[in-house]
PDB file of all heavy atoms in Angstrom:
ATOM      1  N   ASN A   1      -1.154   1.680  55.128  1.00  0.00           N
ATOM      2  CA  ASN A   1      -2.071   0.959  56.019  1.00  0.00           C
ATOM      3  C   ASN A   1      -1.722   1.211  57.496  1.00  0.00           C
ATOM      4  O   ASN A   1      -0.588   1.641  57.790  1.00  0.00           O
ATOM      5  CB  ASN A   1      -1.988  -0.538  55.752  1.00  0.00           C
ATOM      6  CG  ASN A   1      -2.465  -0.844  54.310  1.00  0.00           C
ATOM      7  OD1 ASN A   1      -3.307  -0.229  53.747  1.00  0.00           O
ATOM      8  ND2 ASN A   1      -1.766  -1.897  53.761  1.00  0.00           N
ATOM      9  N   SER A   2      -2.686   0.895  58.360  1.00  0.00           N
ATOM     10  CA  SER A   2      -2.442   1.028  59.809  1.00  0.00           C
ATOM     11  C   SER A   2      -1.843   2.392  60.158  1.00  0.00           C
ATOM     12  O   SER A   2      -0.893   2.489  60.868  1.00  0.00           O
ATOM     13  CB  SER A   2      -1.440  -0.095  60.321  1.00  0.00           C
ATOM     14  OG  SER A   2      -1.941  -1.345  59.968  1.00  0.00           O
ATOM     15  N   LEU A   3      -2.527   3.400  59.693  1.00  0.00           N
ATOM     16  CA  LEU A   3      -2.039   4.776  59.908  1.00  0.00           C
ATOM     17  C   LEU A   3      -1.965   5.111  61.342  1.00  0.00           C
ATOM     18  O   LEU A   3      -2.928   4.783  62.141  1.00  0.00           O
ATOM     19  CB  LEU A   3      -2.881   5.770  59.106  1.00  0.00           C
ATOM     20  CG  LEU A   3      -2.472   5.936  57.632  1.00  0.00           C
ATOM     21  CD1 LEU A   3      -3.609   6.426  56.796  1.00  0.00           C
ATOM     22  CD2 LEU A   3      -1.271   6.769  57.571  1.00  0.00           C
ATOM     23  N   LYS A   4      -1.024   5.916  61.707  1.00  0.00           N
ATOM     24  CA  LYS A   4      -0.779   6.363  63.138  1.00  0.00           C
ATOM     25  C   LYS A   4      -0.812   7.928  63.055  1.00  0.00           C
ATOM     26  O   LYS A   4      -0.472   8.485  62.084  1.00  0.00           O
ATOM     27  CB  LYS A   4       0.552   5.904  63.604  1.00  0.00           C
ATOM     28  CG  LYS A   4       0.707   4.372  63.555  1.00  0.00           C
ATOM     29  CD  LYS A   4       2.101   4.010  64.026  1.00  0.00           C
ATOM     30  CE  LYS A   4       2.349   2.456  63.964  1.00  0.00           C
ATOM     31  NZ  LYS A   4       3.718   2.125  64.443  1.00  0.00           N
ATOM     32  N   PRO A   5      -1.118   8.518  64.229  1.00  0.00           N
ATOM     33  CA  PRO A   5      -1.101  10.033  64.248  1.00  0.00           C
ATOM     34  C   PRO A   5       0.253  10.557  63.828  1.00  0.00           C
ATOM     35  O   PRO A   5       0.349  11.669  63.210  1.00  0.00           O
ATOM     36  CB  PRO A   5      -1.412  10.302  65.675  1.00  0.00           C
ATOM     37  CG  PRO A   5      -2.283   9.187  66.128  1.00  0.00           C
ATOM     38  CD  PRO A   5      -1.718   7.961  65.433  1.00  0.00           C
ATOM     39  N   GLU A   6       1.310   9.869  64.148  1.00  0.00           N
ATOM     40  CA  GLU A   6       2.660  10.355  63.790  1.00  0.00           C
ATOM     41  C   GLU A   6       2.908  10.260  62.287  1.00  0.00           C
ATOM     42  O   GLU A   6       3.976  10.710  61.852  1.00  0.00           O
ATOM     43  CB  GLU A   6       3.743   9.597  64.565  1.00  0.00           C
ATOM     44  CG  GLU A   6       3.677   8.108  64.509  1.00  0.00           C
ATOM     45  CD  GLU A   6       2.905   7.470  65.672  1.00  0.00           C
ATOM     46  OE1 GLU A   6       1.907   8.039  66.166  1.00  0.00           O
ATOM     47  OE2 GLU A   6       3.409   6.474  66.182  1.00  0.00           O
ATOM     48  N   ASP A   7       2.048   9.643  61.550  1.00  0.00           N
ATOM     49  CA  ASP A   7       2.201   9.658  60.090  1.00  0.00           C
ATOM     50  C   ASP A   7       1.620  10.979  59.484  1.00  0.00           C
ATOM     51  O   ASP A   7       1.834  11.126  58.234  1.00  0.00           O
ATOM     52  CB  ASP A   7       1.483   8.439  59.438  1.00  0.00           C
ATOM     53  CG  ASP A   7       2.042   7.110  59.801  1.00  0.00           C
ATOM     54  OD1 ASP A   7       3.264   7.037  59.862  1.00  0.00           O
ATOM     55  OD2 ASP A   7       1.231   6.203  60.120  1.00  0.00           O
ATOM     56  N   THR A   8       1.050  11.765  60.278  1.00  0.00           N
ATOM     57  CA  THR A   8       0.527  13.033  59.765  1.00  0.00           C
ATOM     58  C   THR A   8       1.668  13.931  59.201  1.00  0.00           C
ATOM     59  O   THR A   8       2.643  14.199  59.888  1.00  0.00           O
ATOM     60  CB  THR A   8      -0.224  13.859  60.885  1.00  0.00           C
ATOM     61  OG1 THR A   8      -1.339  13.131  61.262  1.00  0.00           O
ATOM     62  CG2 THR A   8      -0.640  15.241  60.450  1.00  0.00           C
ATOM     63  N   ALA A   9       1.536  14.314  57.950  1.00  0.00           N
ATOM     64  CA  ALA A   9       2.533  15.116  57.264  1.00  0.00           C
ATOM     65  C   ALA A   9       2.103  15.488  55.854  1.00  0.00           C
ATOM     66  O   ALA A   9       1.034  14.940  55.413  1.00  0.00           O
ATOM     67  CB  ALA A   9       3.831  14.266  57.189  1.00  0.00           C
ATOM     68  N   VAL A  10       2.878  16.315  55.247  1.00  0.00           N
ATOM     69  CA  VAL A  10       2.680  16.522  53.799  1.00  0.00           C
ATOM     70  C   VAL A  10       3.539  15.492  53.123  1.00  0.00           C
ATOM     71  O   VAL A  10       4.773  15.402  53.448  1.00  0.00           O
ATOM     72  CB  VAL A  10       3.079  17.983  53.410  1.00  0.00           C
ATOM     73  CG1 VAL A  10       2.958  18.118  51.901  1.00  0.00           C
ATOM     74  CG2 VAL A  10       2.240  18.971  54.125  1.00  0.00           C
ATOM     75  N   TYR A  11       2.996  14.784  52.264  1.00  0.00           N
ATOM     76  CA  TYR A  11       3.717  13.735  51.476  1.00  0.00           C
ATOM     77  C   TYR A  11       4.063  14.274  50.059  1.00  0.00           C
ATOM     78  O   TYR A  11       3.209  14.677  49.371  1.00  0.00           O
ATOM     79  CB  TYR A  11       2.871  12.452  51.411  1.00  0.00           C
ATOM     80  CG  TYR A  11       2.814  11.699  52.728  1.00  0.00           C
ATOM     81  CD1 TYR A  11       2.180  12.195  53.793  1.00  0.00           C
ATOM     82  CD2 TYR A  11       3.530  10.516  52.854  1.00  0.00           C
ATOM     83  CE1 TYR A  11       2.183  11.544  55.019  1.00  0.00           C
ATOM     84  CE2 TYR A  11       3.506   9.741  54.078  1.00  0.00           C
ATOM     85  CZ  TYR A  11       2.860  10.312  55.120  1.00  0.00           C
ATOM     86  OH  TYR A  11       2.821   9.620  56.350  1.00  0.00           O
ATOM     87  N   TYR A  12       5.342  14.145  49.769  1.00  0.00           N
ATOM     88  CA  TYR A  12       5.841  14.673  48.512  1.00  0.00           C
ATOM     89  C   TYR A  12       6.372  13.560  47.640  1.00  0.00           C
ATOM     90  O   TYR A  12       7.100  12.609  48.066  1.00  0.00           O
ATOM     91  CB  TYR A  12       7.058  15.636  48.730  1.00  0.00           C
ATOM     92  CG  TYR A  12       6.691  16.868  49.478  1.00  0.00           C
ATOM     93  CD1 TYR A  12       6.792  16.946  50.870  1.00  0.00           C
ATOM     94  CD2 TYR A  12       6.260  18.015  48.813  1.00  0.00           C
ATOM     95  CE1 TYR A  12       6.471  18.119  51.540  1.00  0.00           C
ATOM     96  CE2 TYR A  12       5.941  19.205  49.493  1.00  0.00           C
ATOM     97  CZ  TYR A  12       6.058  19.212  50.879  1.00  0.00           C
ATOM     98  OH  TYR A  12       5.772  20.424  51.551  1.00  0.00           O
ATOM     99  N   CYS A  13       5.956  13.577  46.417  1.00  0.00           N
ATOM    100  CA  CYS A  13       6.448  12.663  45.420  1.00  0.00           C
ATOM    101  C   CYS A  13       7.777  13.209  44.886  1.00  0.00           C
ATOM    102  O   CYS A  13       7.926  14.402  44.768  1.00  0.00           O
ATOM    103  CB  CYS A  13       5.433  12.542  44.308  1.00  0.00           C
ATOM    104  SG  CYS A  13       5.952  11.478  42.910  1.00  0.00           S
ATOM    105  N   MET A  14       8.679  12.338  44.594  1.00  0.00           N
ATOM    106  CA  MET A  14       9.941  12.709  44.068  1.00  0.00           C
ATOM    107  C   MET A  14      10.339  11.795  42.905  1.00  0.00           C
ATOM    108  O   MET A  14       9.900  10.713  42.801  1.00  0.00           O
ATOM    109  CB  MET A  14      11.107  12.749  45.090  1.00  0.00           C
ATOM    110  CG  MET A  14      11.447  11.433  45.768  1.00  0.00           C
ATOM    111  SD  MET A  14      12.446  10.253  44.711  1.00  0.00           S
ATOM    112  CE  MET A  14      13.971  11.151  44.638  1.00  0.00           C
ATOM    113  N   SER A  15      11.148  12.331  42.061  1.00  0.00           N
ATOM    114  CA  SER A  15      11.784  11.501  40.946  1.00  0.00           C
ATOM    115  C   SER A  15      13.160  11.950  40.728  1.00  0.00           C
ATOM    116  O   SER A  15      13.575  13.153  40.987  1.00  0.00           O
ATOM    117  CB  SER A  15      10.980  11.616  39.647  1.00  0.00           C
ATOM    118  OG  SER A  15      11.076  12.931  39.119  1.00  0.00           O
ATOM    119  N   GLN A  16      14.044  11.042  40.277  1.00  0.00           N
ATOM    120  CA  GLN A  16      15.411  11.327  40.024  1.00  0.00           C
ATOM    121  C   GLN A  16      15.787  10.929  38.567  1.00  0.00           C
ATOM    122  O   GLN A  16      15.329   9.841  38.092  1.00  0.00           O
ATOM    123  CB  GLN A  16      16.299  10.541  41.006  1.00  0.00           C
ATOM    124  CG  GLN A  16      17.748  10.772  40.777  1.00  0.00           C
ATOM    125  CD  GLN A  16      18.616  10.044  41.851  1.00  0.00           C
ATOM    126  OE1 GLN A  16      18.304  10.099  43.047  1.00  0.00           O
ATOM    127  NE2 GLN A  16      19.552   9.307  41.438  1.00  0.00           N
ATOM    128  N   THR A  17      16.500  11.805  37.928  1.00  0.00           N
ATOM    129  CA  THR A  17      17.052  11.515  36.592  1.00  0.00           C
ATOM    130  C   THR A  17      18.557  11.647  36.644  1.00  0.00           C
ATOM    131  O   THR A  17      19.083  12.369  37.459  1.00  0.00           O
ATOM    132  CB  THR A  17      16.424  12.387  35.536  1.00  0.00           C
ATOM    133  OG1 THR A  17      16.810  13.722  35.813  1.00  0.00           O
ATOM    134  CG2 THR A  17      14.958  12.297  35.493  1.00  0.00           C
ATOM    135  N   PRO A  18      19.245  10.890  35.769  1.00  0.00           N
ATOM    136  CA  PRO A  18      20.744  11.030  35.741  1.00  0.00           C
ATOM    137  C   PRO A  18      21.160  12.415  35.405  1.00  0.00           C
ATOM    138  O   PRO A  18      20.514  13.124  34.671  1.00  0.00           O
ATOM    139  CB  PRO A  18      21.101  10.030  34.633  1.00  0.00           C
ATOM    140  CG  PRO A  18      19.942   9.079  34.512  1.00  0.00           C
ATOM    141  CD  PRO A  18      18.746   9.906  34.811  1.00  0.00           C
ATOM    142  N   PRO A  19      22.367  12.866  36.004  1.00  0.00           N
ATOM    143  CA  PRO A  19      23.154  12.074  36.920  1.00  0.00           C
ATOM    144  C   PRO A  19      22.597  12.025  38.312  1.00  0.00           C
ATOM    145  O   PRO A  19      22.735  10.984  39.020  1.00  0.00           O
ATOM    146  CB  PRO A  19      24.487  12.840  36.890  1.00  0.00           C
ATOM    147  CG  PRO A  19      24.122  14.266  36.561  1.00  0.00           C
ATOM    148  CD  PRO A  19      22.980  14.164  35.606  1.00  0.00           C
ATOM    149  N   ALA A  20      21.912  13.047  38.758  1.00  0.00           N
ATOM    150  CA  ALA A  20      21.291  13.075  40.081  1.00  0.00           C
ATOM    151  C   ALA A  20      20.322  14.216  40.299  1.00  0.00           C
ATOM    152  O   ALA A  20      20.328  14.882  41.324  1.00  0.00           O
ATOM    153  CB  ALA A  20      22.350  13.031  41.192  1.00  0.00           C
ATOM    154  N   TYR A  21      19.575  14.484  39.241  1.00  0.00           N
ATOM    155  CA  TYR A  21      18.643  15.660  39.374  1.00  0.00           C
ATOM    156  C   TYR A  21      17.438  15.115  40.082  1.00  0.00           C
ATOM    157  O   TYR A  21      16.842  14.048  39.762  1.00  0.00           O
ATOM    158  CB  TYR A  21      18.302  16.143  37.974  1.00  0.00           C
ATOM    159  CG  TYR A  21      19.393  16.726  37.219  1.00  0.00           C
ATOM    160  CD1 TYR A  21      19.878  16.122  36.052  1.00  0.00           C
ATOM    161  CD2 TYR A  21      20.049  17.886  37.632  1.00  0.00           C
ATOM    162  CE1 TYR A  21      20.926  16.642  35.310  1.00  0.00           C
ATOM    163  CE2 TYR A  21      21.150  18.406  36.969  1.00  0.00           C
ATOM    164  CZ  TYR A  21      21.597  17.821  35.784  1.00  0.00           C
ATOM    165  OH  TYR A  21      22.608  18.295  35.104  1.00  0.00           O
ATOM    166  N   ILE A  22      16.915  15.907  41.010  1.00  0.00           N
ATOM    167  CA  ILE A  22      15.721  15.493  41.863  1.00  0.00           C
ATOM    168  C   ILE A  22      14.613  16.484  41.574  1.00  0.00           C
ATOM    169  O   ILE A  22      14.850  17.695  41.499  1.00  0.00           O
ATOM    170  CB  ILE A  22      16.068  15.639  43.361  1.00  0.00           C
ATOM    171  CG1 ILE A  22      17.286  14.729  43.683  1.00  0.00           C
ATOM    172  CG2 ILE A  22      14.856  15.218  44.173  1.00  0.00           C
ATOM    173  CD1 ILE A  22      17.036  13.255  43.511  1.00  0.00           C
ATOM    174  N   TYR A  23      13.463  15.964  41.369  1.00  0.00           N
ATOM    175  CA  TYR A  23      12.217  16.774  41.113  1.00  0.00           C
ATOM    176  C   TYR A  23      11.221  16.445  42.173  1.00  0.00           C
ATOM    177  O   TYR A  23      11.141  15.324  42.724  1.00  0.00           O
ATOM    178  CB  TYR A  23      11.662  16.412  39.713  1.00  0.00           C
ATOM    179  CG  TYR A  23      12.614  16.681  38.606  1.00  0.00           C
ATOM    180  CD1 TYR A  23      13.533  15.634  38.210  1.00  0.00           C
ATOM    181  CD2 TYR A  23      12.646  17.908  37.934  1.00  0.00           C
ATOM    182  CE1 TYR A  23      14.377  15.816  37.168  1.00  0.00           C
ATOM    183  CE2 TYR A  23      13.567  18.102  36.890  1.00  0.00           C
ATOM    184  CZ  TYR A  23      14.414  17.104  36.537  1.00  0.00           C
ATOM    185  OH  TYR A  23      15.287  17.290  35.523  1.00  0.00           O
ATOM    186  N   TRP A  24      10.474  17.428  42.529  1.00  0.00           N
ATOM    187  CA  TRP A  24       9.472  17.326  43.616  1.00  0.00           C
ATOM    188  C   TRP A  24       8.056  17.722  43.117  1.00  0.00           C
ATOM    189  O   TRP A  24       7.952  18.585  42.276  1.00  0.00           O
ATOM    190  CB  TRP A  24       9.801  18.224  44.796  1.00  0.00           C
ATOM    191  CG  TRP A  24      11.089  17.909  45.435  1.00  0.00           C
ATOM    192  CD1 TRP A  24      12.350  18.456  45.177  1.00  0.00           C
ATOM    193  CD2 TRP A  24      11.290  16.854  46.432  1.00  0.00           C
ATOM    194  NE1 TRP A  24      13.329  17.857  46.048  1.00  0.00           N
ATOM    195  CE2 TRP A  24      12.722  16.819  46.739  1.00  0.00           C
ATOM    196  CE3 TRP A  24      10.476  15.882  47.025  1.00  0.00           C
ATOM    197  CZ2 TRP A  24      13.285  15.961  47.695  1.00  0.00           C
ATOM    198  CZ3 TRP A  24      11.038  15.010  47.950  1.00  0.00           C
ATOM    199  CH2 TRP A  24      12.422  15.044  48.262  1.00  0.00           C
ATOM    200  N   GLY A  25       7.033  17.004  43.666  1.00  0.00           N
ATOM    201  CA  GLY A  25       5.688  17.438  43.497  1.00  0.00           C
ATOM    202  C   GLY A  25       5.285  18.537  44.521  1.00  0.00           C
ATOM    203  O   GLY A  25       6.157  18.930  45.301  1.00  0.00           O
ATOM    204  N   GLN A  26       4.113  18.956  44.441  1.00  0.00           N
ATOM    205  CA  GLN A  26       3.665  20.020  45.332  1.00  0.00           C
ATOM    206  C   GLN A  26       3.248  19.594  46.684  1.00  0.00           C
ATOM    207  O   GLN A  26       3.135  20.403  47.660  1.00  0.00           O
ATOM    208  CB  GLN A  26       2.479  20.817  44.711  1.00  0.00           C
ATOM    209  CG  GLN A  26       1.122  20.158  44.833  1.00  0.00           C
ATOM    210  CD  GLN A  26       0.901  18.905  43.990  1.00  0.00           C
ATOM    211  OE1 GLN A  26       1.774  18.567  43.173  1.00  0.00           O
ATOM    212  NE2 GLN A  26      -0.263  18.242  44.199  1.00  0.00           N
ATOM    213  N   GLY A  27       3.098  18.252  46.830  1.00  0.00           N
ATOM    214  CA  GLY A  27       2.744  17.717  48.109  1.00  0.00           C
ATOM    215  C   GLY A  27       1.258  17.446  48.315  1.00  0.00           C
ATOM    216  O   GLY A  27       0.409  18.145  47.751  1.00  0.00           O
ATOM    217  N   THR A  28       0.937  16.463  49.106  1.00  0.00           N
ATOM    218  CA  THR A  28      -0.474  16.141  49.441  1.00  0.00           C
ATOM    219  C   THR A  28      -0.483  15.915  50.989  1.00  0.00           C
ATOM    220  O   THR A  28       0.327  15.185  51.484  1.00  0.00           O
ATOM    221  CB  THR A  28      -1.030  14.978  48.642  1.00  0.00           C
ATOM    222  OG1 THR A  28      -2.400  14.820  48.915  1.00  0.00           O
ATOM    223  CG2 THR A  28      -0.268  13.658  48.925  1.00  0.00           C
TER     224      THR A  28
END
């Protein structure tokens, strides 16, 4: 909400599984 010009970016989803594996989406 209340978006600002400085919020402009590619937004990436991430998930973590044990012990510390990180996965990324392609971005929106």
